N, C-alpha and C. Protein backbone atom coordinates (compact mmCIF):
# COMPACT_ATOMS: atom_id res chain seq x y z
N UNK A 1 251.64 -10.46 -67.24
CA UNK A 1 252.17 -9.87 -68.32
C UNK A 1 250.82 -9.31 -68.25
N UNK A 2 250.41 -7.77 -69.16
CA UNK A 2 248.81 -8.23 -69.68
C UNK A 2 248.53 -7.96 -70.67
N UNK A 3 247.03 -9.03 -70.43
CA UNK A 3 246.82 -8.87 -72.22
C UNK A 3 245.14 -7.84 -71.75
N UNK A 4 244.84 -7.82 -72.74
CA UNK A 4 243.75 -6.96 -72.87
C UNK A 4 242.46 -8.51 -73.41
N UNK A 5 241.27 -8.12 -72.87
CA UNK A 5 240.04 -9.00 -73.14
C UNK A 5 240.34 -9.94 -74.77
N UNK A 6 240.14 -10.76 -74.52
CA UNK A 6 239.69 -11.89 -76.35
C UNK A 6 238.18 -10.86 -76.57
N UNK A 7 237.60 -10.79 -78.14
CA UNK A 7 237.03 -10.36 -78.42
C UNK A 7 235.36 -11.05 -78.08
N UNK A 8 235.89 -12.29 -77.86
CA UNK A 8 234.12 -12.70 -77.39
C UNK A 8 233.31 -12.54 -75.97
N UNK A 9 234.58 -11.93 -75.48
CA UNK A 9 234.76 -11.50 -74.05
C UNK A 9 234.03 -10.15 -74.23
N UNK A 10 234.94 -9.11 -75.09
CA UNK A 10 234.25 -7.87 -74.97
C UNK A 10 232.61 -7.18 -75.50
N UNK A 11 232.12 -8.10 -76.48
CA UNK A 11 231.04 -8.13 -77.10
C UNK A 11 229.44 -7.48 -75.95
N UNK A 12 229.98 -7.60 -74.94
CA UNK A 12 229.32 -7.04 -74.17
C UNK A 12 229.02 -5.92 -73.50
N UNK A 13 230.31 -5.68 -73.97
CA UNK A 13 230.55 -4.31 -72.78
C UNK A 13 230.01 -3.26 -73.34
N UNK A 14 230.73 -2.67 -72.87
CA UNK A 14 229.95 -0.72 -74.03
C UNK A 14 231.39 -0.27 -73.85
N UNK A 15 231.60 1.16 -75.25
CA UNK A 15 232.38 2.21 -75.20
C UNK A 15 232.02 3.02 -73.96
N UNK A 16 232.84 3.29 -73.09
CA UNK A 16 232.44 4.41 -72.38
C UNK A 16 231.79 5.79 -73.07
N UNK A 17 231.34 6.16 -74.05
CA UNK A 17 231.30 7.25 -74.86
C UNK A 17 230.23 8.18 -74.22
N UNK A 18 230.49 8.40 -72.68
CA UNK A 18 229.46 8.87 -72.64
C UNK A 18 227.81 9.65 -72.78
N UNK A 19 227.18 8.39 -74.08
CA UNK A 19 225.91 8.85 -74.30
C UNK A 19 225.14 7.97 -74.54
N UNK A 20 224.94 7.94 -73.41
CA UNK A 20 223.90 6.64 -72.88
C UNK A 20 223.07 7.49 -72.78
N UNK A 21 221.48 7.30 -72.80
CA UNK A 21 220.27 7.03 -73.07
C UNK A 21 219.72 7.73 -71.63
N UNK A 22 219.17 8.93 -71.91
CA UNK A 22 218.23 9.61 -70.72
C UNK A 22 217.00 9.51 -70.67
N UNK A 23 216.59 8.02 -70.96
CA UNK A 23 215.09 8.02 -70.76
C UNK A 23 214.53 6.78 -72.36
N UNK A 24 213.57 6.85 -72.07
CA UNK A 24 212.83 5.41 -73.44
C UNK A 24 212.03 5.66 -74.58
N UNK A 25 212.35 5.45 -75.98
CA UNK A 25 210.89 6.09 -76.12
C UNK A 25 209.54 5.29 -76.30
N UNK A 26 208.51 5.94 -76.25
CA UNK A 26 206.88 5.27 -75.88
C UNK A 26 206.73 4.74 -77.14
N UNK A 27 206.19 4.25 -77.36
CA UNK A 27 204.85 3.82 -78.28
C UNK A 27 204.31 3.91 -79.75
N UNK A 28 204.53 5.51 -79.30
CA UNK A 28 203.81 7.01 -79.48
C UNK A 28 204.95 7.31 -80.18
N UNK A 29 205.91 7.17 -80.48
CA UNK A 29 206.82 7.78 -81.34
C UNK A 29 208.11 9.55 -80.14
N UNK A 30 206.91 9.75 -79.10
CA UNK A 30 207.79 10.03 -77.68
C UNK A 30 209.14 9.04 -76.95
N UNK A 31 208.95 10.41 -77.06
CA UNK A 31 211.16 10.03 -75.88
C UNK A 31 210.28 11.00 -75.17
N UNK A 32 210.84 10.08 -72.96
CA UNK A 32 210.01 10.38 -71.94
C UNK A 32 211.83 10.02 -71.76
N UNK A 33 211.74 11.11 -70.56
CA UNK A 33 213.66 11.41 -69.59
C UNK A 33 213.20 11.13 -68.19
N UNK A 34 214.37 10.11 -68.51
CA UNK A 34 214.46 9.49 -65.98
C UNK A 34 214.99 10.26 -66.61
N UNK A 35 215.02 11.24 -65.11
CA UNK A 35 215.68 12.24 -64.31
C UNK A 35 217.26 11.71 -63.25
N UNK A 36 216.79 10.37 -62.86
CA UNK A 36 217.61 9.81 -62.43
C UNK A 36 218.94 9.35 -63.12
N UNK A 37 218.46 9.33 -64.57
CA UNK A 37 220.14 9.39 -65.80
C UNK A 37 220.40 10.08 -65.82
N UNK A 38 219.81 11.33 -66.36
CA UNK A 38 220.25 12.40 -66.91
C UNK A 38 221.70 13.38 -65.67
N UNK A 39 222.01 13.39 -66.80
CA UNK A 39 223.50 14.40 -65.88
C UNK A 39 223.58 15.79 -65.11
N UNK A 40 223.95 15.56 -63.75
CA UNK A 40 224.05 16.77 -63.78
C UNK A 40 225.46 17.11 -63.08
N UNK A 41 226.35 18.11 -63.96
CA UNK A 41 227.60 18.78 -62.50
C UNK A 41 227.81 19.63 -61.93
N UNK A 42 228.28 18.95 -61.21
CA UNK A 42 229.08 20.23 -59.64
C UNK A 42 229.90 20.87 -60.39
N UNK A 43 230.41 22.24 -60.02
CA UNK A 43 230.55 23.28 -60.85
C UNK A 43 231.46 23.77 -59.58
N UNK A 44 233.04 23.45 -58.98
CA UNK A 44 233.78 23.48 -57.73
C UNK A 44 233.81 25.36 -57.84
N UNK A 45 234.25 25.79 -57.12
CA UNK A 45 233.92 28.00 -57.16
C UNK A 45 235.73 27.53 -56.77
N UNK A 46 235.28 28.73 -58.25
CA UNK A 46 236.65 29.30 -58.91
C UNK A 46 236.95 30.03 -59.06
N UNK A 47 236.68 31.35 -57.65
CA UNK A 47 236.80 32.73 -57.91
C UNK A 47 238.31 32.25 -57.17
N UNK A 48 238.91 31.85 -56.18
CA UNK A 48 240.27 31.48 -56.44
C UNK A 48 241.30 30.98 -57.22
N UNK A 49 240.80 30.64 -58.13
CA UNK A 49 241.84 30.08 -59.01
C UNK A 49 242.39 30.82 -60.03
N UNK A 50 243.98 31.12 -60.13
CA UNK A 50 245.17 31.03 -60.64
C UNK A 50 245.11 31.54 -61.98
N UNK A 51 244.76 30.19 -62.98
CA UNK A 51 243.86 29.65 -63.87
C UNK A 51 243.04 30.59 -64.31
N UNK A 52 243.54 30.74 -65.78
CA UNK A 52 241.49 31.55 -66.26
C UNK A 52 241.57 30.83 -67.35
N UNK A 53 240.18 30.49 -68.31
CA UNK A 53 240.20 29.53 -69.49
C UNK A 53 240.67 30.80 -70.89
N UNK A 54 241.48 29.50 -71.65
CA UNK A 54 241.75 30.21 -72.85
C UNK A 54 241.03 30.91 -73.40
N UNK A 55 241.20 32.50 -73.92
CA UNK A 55 239.74 32.94 -74.40
C UNK A 55 240.75 33.33 -76.08
N UNK A 56 239.25 32.89 -77.35
CA UNK A 56 239.90 33.75 -78.47
C UNK A 56 240.68 34.80 -78.90
N UNK A 57 241.36 35.69 -79.06
CA UNK A 57 241.61 36.32 -79.63
C UNK A 57 241.55 37.49 -80.23
N UNK A 58 239.90 36.98 -81.06
CA UNK A 58 239.03 37.31 -81.94
C UNK A 58 237.81 38.10 -80.89
N UNK A 59 238.13 37.18 -79.70
CA UNK A 59 236.63 36.94 -79.15
C UNK A 59 235.17 38.69 -78.81
N UNK A 60 234.95 38.73 -78.20
CA UNK A 60 234.45 40.73 -78.93
C UNK A 60 234.07 40.11 -76.77
N UNK A 61 234.61 41.48 -76.29
CA UNK A 61 234.45 42.12 -75.54
C UNK A 61 233.08 42.94 -74.95
N UNK A 62 232.44 41.62 -73.86
CA UNK A 62 231.87 43.06 -72.86
C UNK A 62 229.91 42.11 -73.19
N UNK A 63 230.72 41.06 -73.97
CA UNK A 63 229.26 39.83 -74.41
C UNK A 63 229.05 39.37 -73.15
N UNK A 64 227.52 39.17 -72.75
CA UNK A 64 227.59 37.94 -71.98
C UNK A 64 226.61 36.80 -71.76
N UNK A 65 226.52 35.42 -71.49
CA UNK A 65 225.23 34.49 -72.01
C UNK A 65 225.36 34.88 -71.25
N UNK A 66 223.35 34.45 -70.28
CA UNK A 66 223.21 34.00 -69.52
C UNK A 66 221.81 33.01 -69.99
N UNK A 67 221.33 31.86 -69.08
CA UNK A 67 220.42 31.83 -69.80
C UNK A 67 218.64 31.54 -69.38
N UNK A 68 218.26 32.40 -69.37
CA UNK A 68 216.84 32.27 -68.17
C UNK A 68 215.93 31.49 -69.06
N UNK A 69 215.41 30.30 -67.62
CA UNK A 69 214.73 29.66 -67.50
C UNK A 69 213.85 29.28 -68.05
N UNK A 70 213.15 30.64 -67.98
CA UNK A 70 211.25 30.96 -67.60
C UNK A 70 211.12 31.24 -69.31
N UNK A 71 212.31 30.95 -69.71
CA UNK A 71 212.70 31.10 -71.38
C UNK A 71 212.80 30.76 -72.45
N UNK A 72 213.82 29.22 -72.10
CA UNK A 72 213.99 27.97 -72.42
C UNK A 72 212.73 27.52 -72.30
N UNK A 73 212.19 27.67 -71.14
CA UNK A 73 210.84 26.68 -71.03
C UNK A 73 210.19 26.37 -72.33
N UNK A 74 209.55 27.58 -71.87
CA UNK A 74 208.61 28.36 -72.96
C UNK A 74 209.18 27.52 -74.59
N UNK A 75 210.33 28.15 -74.36
CA UNK A 75 210.27 27.79 -75.98
C UNK A 75 209.95 26.33 -76.45
N UNK A 76 211.15 25.72 -75.28
CA UNK A 76 210.60 23.92 -75.30
C UNK A 76 209.92 23.15 -75.80
N UNK A 77 208.73 24.02 -74.65
CA UNK A 77 207.21 23.45 -75.01
C UNK A 77 206.34 24.56 -76.19
N UNK A 78 206.52 25.28 -76.42
CA UNK A 78 206.10 25.94 -78.15
C UNK A 78 206.88 25.34 -79.53
N UNK A 79 208.30 24.55 -78.97
CA UNK A 79 209.30 23.33 -80.26
C UNK A 79 208.56 22.44 -80.32
N UNK A 80 207.80 21.81 -78.93
CA UNK A 80 207.09 20.70 -79.39
C UNK A 80 205.82 20.52 -79.16
N UNK A 81 205.08 22.17 -79.37
CA UNK A 81 203.60 22.01 -79.32
C UNK A 81 203.61 21.78 -81.51
N UNK A 82 204.43 22.47 -82.09
CA UNK A 82 204.41 22.59 -83.15
C UNK A 82 205.24 21.70 -84.05
N UNK A 83 205.99 21.18 -83.42
CA UNK A 83 206.63 19.40 -83.85
C UNK A 83 205.44 18.53 -83.61
N UNK A 84 204.36 18.58 -83.15
CA UNK A 84 203.34 17.38 -82.21
C UNK A 84 202.70 17.67 -83.70
N UNK A 85 202.31 18.99 -84.43
CA UNK A 85 201.50 19.95 -84.93
C UNK A 85 201.63 19.37 -85.99
N UNK A 86 203.38 19.40 -86.60
CA UNK A 86 203.65 18.76 -88.15
C UNK A 86 203.56 17.34 -88.10
N UNK A 87 203.90 16.68 -87.33
CA UNK A 87 203.38 15.25 -87.08
C UNK A 87 202.32 15.03 -87.67
N UNK A 88 201.48 15.64 -87.31
CA UNK A 88 199.35 15.87 -87.12
C UNK A 88 199.10 16.18 -89.08
N UNK A 89 199.88 16.87 -88.71
CA UNK A 89 199.83 17.25 -90.47
C UNK A 89 200.53 16.16 -91.95
N UNK A 90 201.81 16.02 -91.00
CA UNK A 90 202.12 14.95 -92.54
C UNK A 90 201.32 13.39 -92.07
N UNK A 91 201.47 12.93 -90.62
CA UNK A 91 200.60 11.92 -90.85
C UNK A 91 198.87 12.26 -91.79
N UNK A 92 198.03 13.56 -91.55
CA UNK A 92 196.81 13.28 -92.47
C UNK A 92 197.37 13.78 -93.59
N UNK A 93 198.34 14.38 -93.96
CA UNK A 93 198.23 14.30 -95.71
C UNK A 93 199.42 12.94 -96.39
N UNK A 94 199.47 12.15 -95.12
CA UNK A 94 199.51 11.16 -95.54
C UNK A 94 198.47 9.67 -96.01
N UNK A 95 197.48 10.03 -95.17
CA UNK A 95 196.75 9.15 -95.22
C UNK A 95 195.14 10.45 -96.37
N UNK A 96 195.55 10.88 -96.07
CA UNK A 96 195.05 11.35 -98.52
C UNK A 96 195.44 10.63 -100.01
């Protein structure tokens, strides 16, 4: 007879939601990413696969989305700079 664990035994267990931390918070409110914890997905070669993904009938044809890593990193850096400038501005306003 299989029975579940009692509530007392479950307290230390984490539910597998896939929402684990990718790093840690710094003393100054930043966040450091630990590359060992970042999830990487290996996609198999699906060129000969007979199955096709479901595509919504209203989907527009010919639109392709690609990610340019250089543009993404440039955007991320400017976003980080802007957010740090905003934090400094808010902190200086709070002092006044």
